[in-house]
Amino acid sequence: MKTILIVDDEPRTREGVRKTLEAWSSGSCRIETVSSGVEALEWLQNNEANLLVTDIRMPEIGGLDLIEKLEQLKHPPVVIVISGHPEFDYAQRALKYGVIEYLLKPLDKMKLVQAVELALKREEQIHRIERMEKLVDPKLMETMEHENVYNAQVREAIHYLDEHLHEPVSMRDLADHLHMNASYFSVLFKEQTGLTFSEYLTKQRIQRAKVLLTTTALPIAEIAEKVGYQTARYFVKVFRELEKVSPGQYRNNVRDPEDTIQ
């Protein structure tokens, strides 16, 4: 359930926004209200919101100051600003902070609902991007980004590994496939990618496993087999060494149920 926090020091506006959004959401969203920026910060210390709808002019902490402080949160909400003043400076600062929409009072209910729908879609996109970033090993991403400048044999080796991760591939096997001396291939691969063959293979296998853990309901043992590990026990050991959590814990931490294929 998505949570929307409404912040406005004017009771009439605050309640009007709450009633409009409760009618629109039909119980699918949790709607919370507070009357000041100070109360909003206190609420956000103990709760998470997906969307913040805030007035811009409030005593003590104004809307823009509140938005600026959101950056300190682990999971800051997306923001819609409402204001009775169409000042250009306010709007410009709001856009600088990544505000989704700047709505003027008196609020048009249709525009408010449209802005909320857009903001929640944007929040979901941000959420998905954050989860995808957790799937990607930074060093592996760097290696892939520079692939076009690698020696043709190293590029072929990378493509071969990508297609045969589920098989027991050794460095000698791959060197033989490329008709290369194993020692020379080892040096060339490390020189070009910055990773040893073993490091690269392990990172790719764990990368593939992370995708399967977060997008399927396959058992851990089956995932281990699909990424080239002969025993689930050894797979769990390697996964924990790289990710600092077990595959099961990783799945629980990162997976979105909507992304899972049963």
C-alpha atoms as a PDB file:
ATOM      1  CA  MET A   1       0.000   0.000   0.000  1.00  0.00           C
ATOM      2  CA  LYS A   2       1.360   3.404  -1.015  1.00  0.00           C
ATOM      3  CA  THR A   3       1.532   6.118   1.638  1.00  0.00           C
ATOM      4  CA  ILE A   4       0.809   9.779   0.892  1.00  0.00           C
ATOM      5  CA  LEU A   5       1.696  12.437   3.457  1.00  0.00           C
ATOM      6  CA  ILE A   6      -0.144  15.778   3.199  1.00  0.00           C
ATOM      7  CA  VAL A   7       1.510  18.793   4.837  1.00  0.00           C
ATOM      8  CA  ASP A   8      -0.432  22.059   5.105  1.00  0.00           C
ATOM      9  CA  ASP A   9      -0.996  24.507   7.941  1.00  0.00           C
ATOM     10  CA  GLU A  10      -4.434  25.456   6.587  1.00  0.00           C
ATOM     11  CA  PRO A  11      -6.993  22.931   7.954  1.00  0.00           C
ATOM     12  CA  ARG A  12      -9.465  23.523   5.127  1.00  0.00           C
ATOM     13  CA  THR A  13      -6.912  22.800   2.388  1.00  0.00           C
ATOM     14  CA  ARG A  14      -5.387  19.890   4.295  1.00  0.00           C
ATOM     15  CA  GLU A  15      -8.750  18.196   4.783  1.00  0.00           C
ATOM     16  CA  GLY A  16      -9.833  18.960   1.243  1.00  0.00           C
ATOM     17  CA  VAL A  17      -6.753  17.266  -0.197  1.00  0.00           C
ATOM     18  CA  ARG A  18      -7.172  14.315   2.175  1.00  0.00           C
ATOM     19  CA  LYS A  19     -10.834  13.756   1.248  1.00  0.00           C
ATOM     20  CA  THR A  20     -10.112  14.077  -2.469  1.00  0.00           C
ATOM     21  CA  LEU A  21      -7.292  11.544  -2.347  1.00  0.00           C
ATOM     22  CA  GLU A  22      -9.205   9.133  -0.109  1.00  0.00           C
ATOM     23  CA  ALA A  23     -12.113   9.177  -2.571  1.00  0.00           C
ATOM     24  CA  TRP A  24      -9.713   8.680  -5.497  1.00  0.00           C
ATOM     25  CA  SER A  25      -7.717   5.853  -3.895  1.00  0.00           C
ATOM     26  CA  SER A  26     -10.749   3.931  -2.566  1.00  0.00           C
ATOM     27  CA  GLY A  27      -8.609   2.529   0.236  1.00  0.00           C
ATOM     28  CA  SER A  28      -5.657   1.530  -1.956  1.00  0.00           C
ATOM     29  CA  CYS A  29      -3.465   4.266  -0.432  1.00  0.00           C
ATOM     30  CA  ARG A  30      -2.758   5.235   3.140  1.00  0.00           C
ATOM     31  CA  ILE A  31      -3.400   8.975   3.499  1.00  0.00           C
ATOM     32  CA  GLU A  32      -1.737  10.806   6.406  1.00  0.00           C
ATOM     33  CA  THR A  33      -1.896  14.510   7.307  1.00  0.00           C
ATOM     34  CA  VAL A  34       0.205  16.865   9.443  1.00  0.00           C
ATOM     35  CA  SER A  35      -0.095  20.605   9.955  1.00  0.00           C
ATOM     36  CA  SER A  36       3.518  21.765   9.695  1.00  0.00           C
ATOM     37  CA  GLY A  37       6.950  21.045   8.262  1.00  0.00           C
ATOM     38  CA  VAL A  38       8.195  20.286  11.782  1.00  0.00           C
ATOM     39  CA  GLU A  39       5.476  17.651  12.269  1.00  0.00           C
ATOM     40  CA  ALA A  40       6.241  16.233   8.829  1.00  0.00           C
ATOM     41  CA  LEU A  41       9.916  15.720   9.690  1.00  0.00           C
ATOM     42  CA  GLU A  42       8.994  14.105  12.994  1.00  0.00           C
ATOM     43  CA  TRP A  43       6.548  11.777  11.204  1.00  0.00           C
ATOM     44  CA  LEU A  44       9.143  10.862   8.581  1.00  0.00           C
ATOM     45  CA  GLN A  45      11.655   9.894  11.255  1.00  0.00           C
ATOM     46  CA  ASN A  46       9.486   6.896  12.133  1.00  0.00           C
ATOM     47  CA  ASN A  47       7.522   6.305   8.931  1.00  0.00           C
ATOM     48  CA  GLU A  48       8.070   6.172   5.179  1.00  0.00           C
ATOM     49  CA  ALA A  49       5.994   7.985   2.584  1.00  0.00           C
ATOM     50  CA  ASN A  50       5.930   7.313  -1.144  1.00  0.00           C
ATOM     51  CA  LEU A  51       4.560  10.774  -1.912  1.00  0.00           C
ATOM     52  CA  LEU A  52       4.679  14.081  -0.055  1.00  0.00           C
ATOM     53  CA  VAL A  53       2.094  16.754  -0.903  1.00  0.00           C
ATOM     54  CA  THR A  54       3.194  19.966   0.782  1.00  0.00           C
ATOM     55  CA  ASP A  55       2.221  23.603   0.973  1.00  0.00           C
ATOM     56  CA  ILE A  56       5.085  25.953   0.251  1.00  0.00           C
ATOM     57  CA  ARG A  57       4.448  28.717   2.788  1.00  0.00           C
ATOM     58  CA  MET A  58       4.273  27.453   6.362  1.00  0.00           C
ATOM     59  CA  PRO A  59       5.600  28.750   9.705  1.00  0.00           C
ATOM     60  CA  GLU A  60       8.941  27.473  11.074  1.00  0.00           C
ATOM     61  CA  ILE A  61       9.826  25.157   8.196  1.00  0.00           C
ATOM     62  CA  GLY A  62       8.494  26.071   4.756  1.00  0.00           C
ATOM     63  CA  GLY A  63       7.769  23.572   2.020  1.00  0.00           C
ATOM     64  CA  LEU A  64      11.022  24.094   0.126  1.00  0.00           C
ATOM     65  CA  ASP A  65      13.115  23.792   3.303  1.00  0.00           C
ATOM     66  CA  LEU A  66      11.221  20.608   4.115  1.00  0.00           C
ATOM     67  CA  ILE A  67      11.940  19.212   0.630  1.00  0.00           C
ATOM     68  CA  GLU A  68      15.636  20.021   1.013  1.00  0.00           C
ATOM     69  CA  LYS A  69      15.772  18.063   4.275  1.00  0.00           C
ATOM     70  CA  LEU A  70      14.200  15.020   2.609  1.00  0.00           C
ATOM     71  CA  GLU A  71      17.564  14.267   0.988  1.00  0.00           C
ATOM     72  CA  GLN A  72      18.771  13.067   4.384  1.00  0.00           C
ATOM     73  CA  LEU A  73      16.204  10.256   4.397  1.00  0.00           C
ATOM     74  CA  LYS A  74      17.122   6.742   3.302  1.00  0.00           C
ATOM     75  CA  HIS A  75      14.087   6.552   0.986  1.00  0.00           C
ATOM     76  CA  PRO A  76      12.875  10.105   0.296  1.00  0.00           C
ATOM     77  CA  PRO A  77       9.360  10.445  -1.137  1.00  0.00           C
ATOM     78  CA  VAL A  78       8.557  12.109  -4.444  1.00  0.00           C
ATOM     79  CA  VAL A  79       6.990  15.542  -3.982  1.00  0.00           C
ATOM     80  CA  ILE A  80       4.068  17.649  -5.182  1.00  0.00           C
ATOM     81  CA  VAL A  81       4.039  21.305  -4.101  1.00  0.00           C
ATOM     82  CA  ILE A  82       0.849  23.287  -3.587  1.00  0.00           C
ATOM     83  CA  SER A  83       0.890  27.054  -3.240  1.00  0.00           C
ATOM     84  CA  GLY A  84      -1.361  30.076  -3.200  1.00  0.00           C
ATOM     85  CA  HIS A  85       1.438  32.123  -4.764  1.00  0.00           C
ATOM     86  CA  PRO A  86       2.608  31.669  -8.385  1.00  0.00           C
ATOM     87  CA  GLU A  87       6.069  33.096  -7.696  1.00  0.00           C
ATOM     88  CA  PHE A  88       8.607  32.109 -10.338  1.00  0.00           C
ATOM     89  CA  ASP A  89      11.407  31.752  -7.777  1.00  0.00           C
ATOM     90  CA  TYR A  90       9.411  29.221  -5.752  1.00  0.00           C
ATOM     91  CA  ALA A  91       8.584  27.182  -8.836  1.00  0.00           C
ATOM     92  CA  GLN A  92      12.181  27.303 -10.040  1.00  0.00           C
ATOM     93  CA  ARG A  93      13.540  26.109  -6.687  1.00  0.00           C
ATOM     94  CA  ALA A  94      10.896  23.400  -6.532  1.00  0.00           C
ATOM     95  CA  LEU A  95      11.938  22.066  -9.938  1.00  0.00           C
ATOM     96  CA  LYS A  96      15.577  22.137  -8.835  1.00  0.00           C
ATOM     97  CA  TYR A  97      14.673  19.747  -5.998  1.00  0.00           C
ATOM     98  CA  GLY A  98      12.978  17.361  -8.410  1.00  0.00           C
ATOM     99  CA  VAL A  99       9.390  18.242  -7.483  1.00  0.00           C
ATOM    100  CA  ILE A 100       6.965  16.395  -9.766  1.00  0.00           C
ATOM    101  CA  GLU A 101       4.268  19.080  -9.943  1.00  0.00           C
ATOM    102  CA  TYR A 102       3.649  22.652  -8.742  1.00  0.00           C
ATOM    103  CA  LEU A 103      -0.099  23.207  -8.190  1.00  0.00           C
ATOM    104  CA  LEU A 104      -1.733  26.539  -7.441  1.00  0.00           C
ATOM    105  CA  LYS A 105      -4.558  27.129  -4.961  1.00  0.00           C
ATOM    106  CA  PRO A 106      -7.490  26.949  -5.177  1.00  0.00           C
ATOM    107  CA  LEU A 107      -6.752  23.367  -6.153  1.00  0.00           C
ATOM    108  CA  ASP A 108      -8.493  21.758  -9.084  1.00  0.00           C
ATOM    109  CA  LYS A 109      -9.416  18.248  -7.896  1.00  0.00           C
ATOM    110  CA  MET A 110      -8.851  16.709 -11.329  1.00  0.00           C
ATOM    111  CA  LYS A 111      -5.380  18.266 -11.644  1.00  0.00           C
ATOM    112  CA  LEU A 112      -4.530  17.145  -8.121  1.00  0.00           C
ATOM    113  CA  VAL A 113      -5.472  13.534  -8.873  1.00  0.00           C
ATOM    114  CA  GLN A 114      -3.584  13.598 -12.191  1.00  0.00           C
ATOM    115  CA  ALA A 115      -0.505  14.986 -10.432  1.00  0.00           C
ATOM    116  CA  VAL A 116      -0.708  12.284  -7.741  1.00  0.00           C
ATOM    117  CA  GLU A 117      -1.027   9.513 -10.344  1.00  0.00           C
ATOM    118  CA  LEU A 118       1.986  10.886 -12.219  1.00  0.00           C
ATOM    119  CA  ALA A 119       4.016  11.230  -9.024  1.00  0.00           C
ATOM    120  CA  LEU A 120       3.292   7.663  -7.885  1.00  0.00           C
ATOM    121  CA  LYS A 121       4.286   6.328 -11.314  1.00  0.00           C
ATOM    122  CA  ARG A 122       7.528   8.305 -11.074  1.00  0.00           C
ATOM    123  CA  GLU A 123       8.135   6.951  -7.560  1.00  0.00           C
ATOM    124  CA  GLU A 124       7.675   3.408  -8.844  1.00  0.00           C
ATOM    125  CA  GLN A 125      10.161   4.059 -11.659  1.00  0.00           C
ATOM    126  CA  ILE A 126      12.711   5.366  -9.154  1.00  0.00           C
ATOM    127  CA  HIS A 127      12.074   2.336  -6.936  1.00  0.00           C
ATOM    128  CA  ARG A 128      12.636  -0.052  -9.842  1.00  0.00           C
ATOM    129  CA  ILE A 129      15.856   1.711 -10.854  1.00  0.00           C
ATOM    130  CA  GLU A 130      17.162   1.498  -7.288  1.00  0.00           C
ATOM    131  CA  ARG A 131      16.403  -2.230  -7.196  1.00  0.00           C
ATOM    132  CA  MET A 132      18.064  -2.798 -10.551  1.00  0.00           C
ATOM    133  CA  GLU A 133      21.171  -0.951  -9.354  1.00  0.00           C
ATOM    134  CA  LYS A 134      21.365  -3.409  -6.477  1.00  0.00           C
ATOM    135  CA  LEU A 135      21.529  -6.230  -9.000  1.00  0.00           C
ATOM    136  CA  VAL A 136      24.545  -4.856 -10.834  1.00  0.00           C
ATOM    137  CA  ASP A 137      28.112  -5.379  -9.630  1.00  0.00           C
ATOM    138  CA  PRO A 138      29.877  -1.987 -10.166  1.00  0.00           C
ATOM    139  CA  LYS A 139      33.144  -3.597 -11.311  1.00  0.00           C
ATOM    140  CA  LEU A 140      31.274  -5.903 -13.675  1.00  0.00           C
ATOM    141  CA  MET A 141      29.336  -2.937 -15.079  1.00  0.00           C
ATOM    142  CA  GLU A 142      32.592  -1.084 -15.669  1.00  0.00           C
ATOM    143  CA  THR A 143      33.978  -4.117 -17.500  1.00  0.00           C
ATOM    144  CA  MET A 144      30.905  -4.334 -19.740  1.00  0.00           C
ATOM    145  CA  GLU A 145      30.967  -0.618 -20.515  1.00  0.00           C
ATOM    146  CA  HIS A 146      34.516  -0.912 -21.923  1.00  0.00           C
ATOM    147  CA  GLU A 147      33.913  -4.139 -23.814  1.00  0.00           C
ATOM    148  CA  ASN A 148      34.074  -2.444 -27.241  1.00  0.00           C
ATOM    149  CA  VAL A 149      37.760  -1.555 -26.744  1.00  0.00           C
ATOM    150  CA  TYR A 150      38.853  -5.055 -25.766  1.00  0.00           C
ATOM    151  CA  ASN A 151      40.901  -7.384 -27.918  1.00  0.00           C
ATOM    152  CA  ALA A 152      38.674  -9.491 -30.220  1.00  0.00           C
ATOM    153  CA  GLN A 153      39.634 -12.679 -28.369  1.00  0.00           C
ATOM    154  CA  VAL A 154      38.696 -11.181 -24.994  1.00  0.00           C
ATOM    155  CA  ARG A 155      35.341 -10.023 -26.390  1.00  0.00           C
ATOM    156  CA  GLU A 156      34.732 -13.526 -27.731  1.00  0.00           C
ATOM    157  CA  ALA A 157      35.648 -14.984 -24.347  1.00  0.00           C
ATOM    158  CA  ILE A 158      33.124 -12.692 -22.623  1.00  0.00           C
ATOM    159  CA  HIS A 159      30.370 -13.660 -25.057  1.00  0.00           C
ATOM    160  CA  TYR A 160      31.208 -17.343 -24.676  1.00  0.00           C
ATOM    161  CA  LEU A 161      31.013 -17.143 -20.892  1.00  0.00           C
ATOM    162  CA  ASP A 162      27.704 -15.299 -21.046  1.00  0.00           C
ATOM    163  CA  GLU A 163      26.208 -18.183 -23.061  1.00  0.00           C
ATOM    164  CA  HIS A 164      27.799 -20.974 -20.998  1.00  0.00           C
ATOM    165  CA  LEU A 165      27.502 -19.740 -17.408  1.00  0.00           C
ATOM    166  CA  HIS A 166      25.410 -22.790 -16.542  1.00  0.00           C
ATOM    167  CA  GLU A 167      28.259 -25.098 -17.567  1.00  0.00           C
ATOM    168  CA  PRO A 168      31.481 -25.974 -15.686  1.00  0.00           C
ATOM    169  CA  VAL A 169      33.852 -23.739 -17.687  1.00  0.00           C
ATOM    170  CA  SER A 170      37.540 -23.562 -16.769  1.00  0.00           C
ATOM    171  CA  MET A 171      40.102 -21.061 -18.008  1.00  0.00           C
ATOM    172  CA  ARG A 172      41.896 -23.836 -19.897  1.00  0.00           C
ATOM    173  CA  ASP A 173      38.617 -24.882 -21.567  1.00  0.00           C
ATOM    174  CA  LEU A 174      38.036 -21.327 -22.758  1.00  0.00           C
ATOM    175  CA  ALA A 175      41.643 -20.847 -23.886  1.00  0.00           C
ATOM    176  CA  ASP A 176      41.394 -24.073 -25.903  1.00  0.00           C
ATOM    177  CA  HIS A 177      38.128 -22.850 -27.434  1.00  0.00           C
ATOM    178  CA  LEU A 178      39.912 -19.656 -28.504  1.00  0.00           C
ATOM    179  CA  HIS A 179      42.986 -21.597 -29.693  1.00  0.00           C
ATOM    180  CA  MET A 180      45.183 -19.687 -27.248  1.00  0.00           C
ATOM    181  CA  ASN A 181      47.865 -20.575 -24.732  1.00  0.00           C
ATOM    182  CA  ALA A 182      46.154 -20.671 -21.313  1.00  0.00           C
ATOM    183  CA  SER A 183      48.864 -18.601 -19.563  1.00  0.00           C
ATOM    184  CA  TYR A 184      48.814 -15.923 -22.258  1.00  0.00           C
ATOM    185  CA  PHE A 185      45.011 -15.818 -22.226  1.00  0.00           C
ATOM    186  CA  SER A 186      45.024 -15.392 -18.420  1.00  0.00           C
ATOM    187  CA  VAL A 187      47.389 -12.412 -18.596  1.00  0.00           C
ATOM    188  CA  LEU A 188      45.524 -10.824 -21.531  1.00  0.00           C
ATOM    189  CA  PHE A 189      42.112 -11.176 -19.871  1.00  0.00           C
ATOM    190  CA  LYS A 190      43.280  -9.556 -16.609  1.00  0.00           C
ATOM    191  CA  GLU A 191      45.139  -6.810 -18.492  1.00  0.00           C
ATOM    192  CA  GLN A 192      42.062  -5.847 -20.528  1.00  0.00           C
ATOM    193  CA  THR A 193      39.199  -6.302 -18.049  1.00  0.00           C
ATOM    194  CA  GLY A 194      40.929  -5.565 -14.751  1.00  0.00           C
ATOM    195  CA  LEU A 195      39.603  -8.865 -13.409  1.00  0.00           C
ATOM    196  CA  THR A 196      41.104 -12.333 -13.336  1.00  0.00           C
ATOM    197  CA  PHE A 197      39.207 -14.991 -15.269  1.00  0.00           C
ATOM    198  CA  SER A 198      38.029 -16.523 -12.000  1.00  0.00           C
ATOM    199  CA  GLU A 199      36.860 -13.158 -10.591  1.00  0.00           C
ATOM    200  CA  TYR A 200      34.957 -12.336 -13.761  1.00  0.00           C
ATOM    201  CA  LEU A 201      33.293 -15.746 -13.971  1.00  0.00           C
ATOM    202  CA  THR A 202      32.241 -15.630 -10.328  1.00  0.00           C
ATOM    203  CA  LYS A 203      30.840 -12.097 -10.606  1.00  0.00           C
ATOM    204  CA  GLN A 204      28.881 -13.008 -13.734  1.00  0.00           C
ATOM    205  CA  ARG A 205      27.435 -16.114 -12.110  1.00  0.00           C
ATOM    206  CA  ILE A 206      26.387 -14.225  -8.995  1.00  0.00           C
ATOM    207  CA  GLN A 207      24.983 -11.445 -11.194  1.00  0.00           C
ATOM    208  CA  ARG A 208      22.830 -13.985 -13.052  1.00  0.00           C
ATOM    209  CA  ALA A 209      21.792 -15.544  -9.755  1.00  0.00           C
ATOM    210  CA  LYS A 210      20.662 -12.151  -8.401  1.00  0.00           C
ATOM    211  CA  VAL A 211      18.416 -11.637 -11.404  1.00  0.00           C
ATOM    212  CA  LEU A 212      16.876 -15.099 -10.956  1.00  0.00           C
ATOM    213  CA  LEU A 213      16.440 -14.556  -7.219  1.00  0.00           C
ATOM    214  CA  THR A 214      14.528 -11.321  -7.762  1.00  0.00           C
ATOM    215  CA  THR A 215      12.482 -12.193 -10.840  1.00  0.00           C
ATOM    216  CA  THR A 216      11.548 -15.848 -10.269  1.00  0.00           C
ATOM    217  CA  ALA A 217      10.394 -18.106  -7.453  1.00  0.00           C
ATOM    218  CA  LEU A 218      12.894 -20.833  -8.360  1.00  0.00           C
ATOM    219  CA  PRO A 219      14.406 -22.755  -5.414  1.00  0.00           C
ATOM    220  CA  ILE A 220      17.961 -21.786  -4.397  1.00  0.00           C
ATOM    221  CA  ALA A 221      19.291 -25.199  -5.466  1.00  0.00           C
ATOM    222  CA  GLU A 222      17.848 -24.798  -8.970  1.00  0.00           C
ATOM    223  CA  ILE A 223      19.269 -21.298  -9.310  1.00  0.00           C
ATOM    224  CA  ALA A 224      22.677 -22.621  -8.223  1.00  0.00           C
ATOM    225  CA  GLU A 225      22.533 -25.191 -10.997  1.00  0.00           C
ATOM    226  CA  LYS A 226      21.406 -22.651 -13.616  1.00  0.00           C
ATOM    227  CA  VAL A 227      24.419 -20.420 -12.912  1.00  0.00           C
ATOM    228  CA  GLY A 228      27.014 -23.184 -13.005  1.00  0.00           C
ATOM    229  CA  TYR A 229      27.396 -24.387  -9.415  1.00  0.00           C
ATOM    230  CA  GLN A 230      27.284 -28.131  -8.866  1.00  0.00           C
ATOM    231  CA  THR A 231      26.099 -27.829  -5.250  1.00  0.00           C
ATOM    232  CA  ALA A 232      23.762 -25.346  -3.604  1.00  0.00           C
ATOM    233  CA  ARG A 233      25.994 -25.304  -0.540  1.00  0.00           C
ATOM    234  CA  TYR A 234      28.994 -23.979  -2.450  1.00  0.00           C
ATOM    235  CA  PHE A 235      26.795 -21.468  -4.301  1.00  0.00           C
ATOM    236  CA  VAL A 236      25.482 -20.108  -0.983  1.00  0.00           C
ATOM    237  CA  LYS A 237      29.051 -19.827   0.334  1.00  0.00           C
ATOM    238  CA  VAL A 238      30.257 -17.850  -2.717  1.00  0.00           C
ATOM    239  CA  PHE A 239      27.127 -15.674  -2.774  1.00  0.00           C
ATOM    240  CA  ARG A 240      27.518 -14.780   0.889  1.00  0.00           C
ATOM    241  CA  GLU A 241      31.191 -13.881   0.397  1.00  0.00           C
ATOM    242  CA  LEU A 242      30.330 -11.416  -2.374  1.00  0.00           C
ATOM    243  CA  GLU A 243      26.991 -10.004  -1.178  1.00  0.00           C
ATOM    244  CA  LYS A 244      27.418 -10.342   2.615  1.00  0.00           C
ATOM    245  CA  VAL A 245      23.981 -12.014   2.846  1.00  0.00           C
ATOM    246  CA  SER A 246      22.639 -15.423   1.882  1.00  0.00           C
ATOM    247  CA  PRO A 247      20.715 -15.847  -1.397  1.00  0.00           C
ATOM    248  CA  GLY A 248      17.485 -16.220   0.573  1.00  0.00           C
ATOM    249  CA  GLN A 249      18.081 -13.009   2.522  1.00  0.00           C
ATOM    250  CA  TYR A 250      18.971 -11.173  -0.672  1.00  0.00           C
ATOM    251  CA  ARG A 251      15.730 -12.345  -2.296  1.00  0.00           C
ATOM    252  CA  ASN A 252      13.675 -11.094   0.656  1.00  0.00           C
ATOM    253  CA  ASN A 253      15.473  -7.732   0.767  1.00  0.00           C
ATOM    254  CA  VAL A 254      15.306  -6.871  -2.925  1.00  0.00           C
ATOM    255  CA  ARG A 255      12.467  -8.717  -4.594  1.00  0.00           C
ATOM    256  CA  ASP A 256       9.257  -6.935  -5.554  1.00  0.00           C
ATOM    257  CA  PRO A 257       6.362  -9.446  -5.624  1.00  0.00           C
ATOM    258  CA  GLU A 258       4.994  -7.789  -8.787  1.00  0.00           C
ATOM    259  CA  ASP A 259       8.206  -8.706 -10.636  1.00  0.00           C
ATOM    260  CA  THR A 260       8.089 -12.384  -9.744  1.00  0.00           C
ATOM    261  CA  ILE A 261       7.136 -15.128 -12.193  1.00  0.00           C
ATOM    262  CA  GLN A 262       5.782 -18.080 -10.234  1.00  0.00           C
END
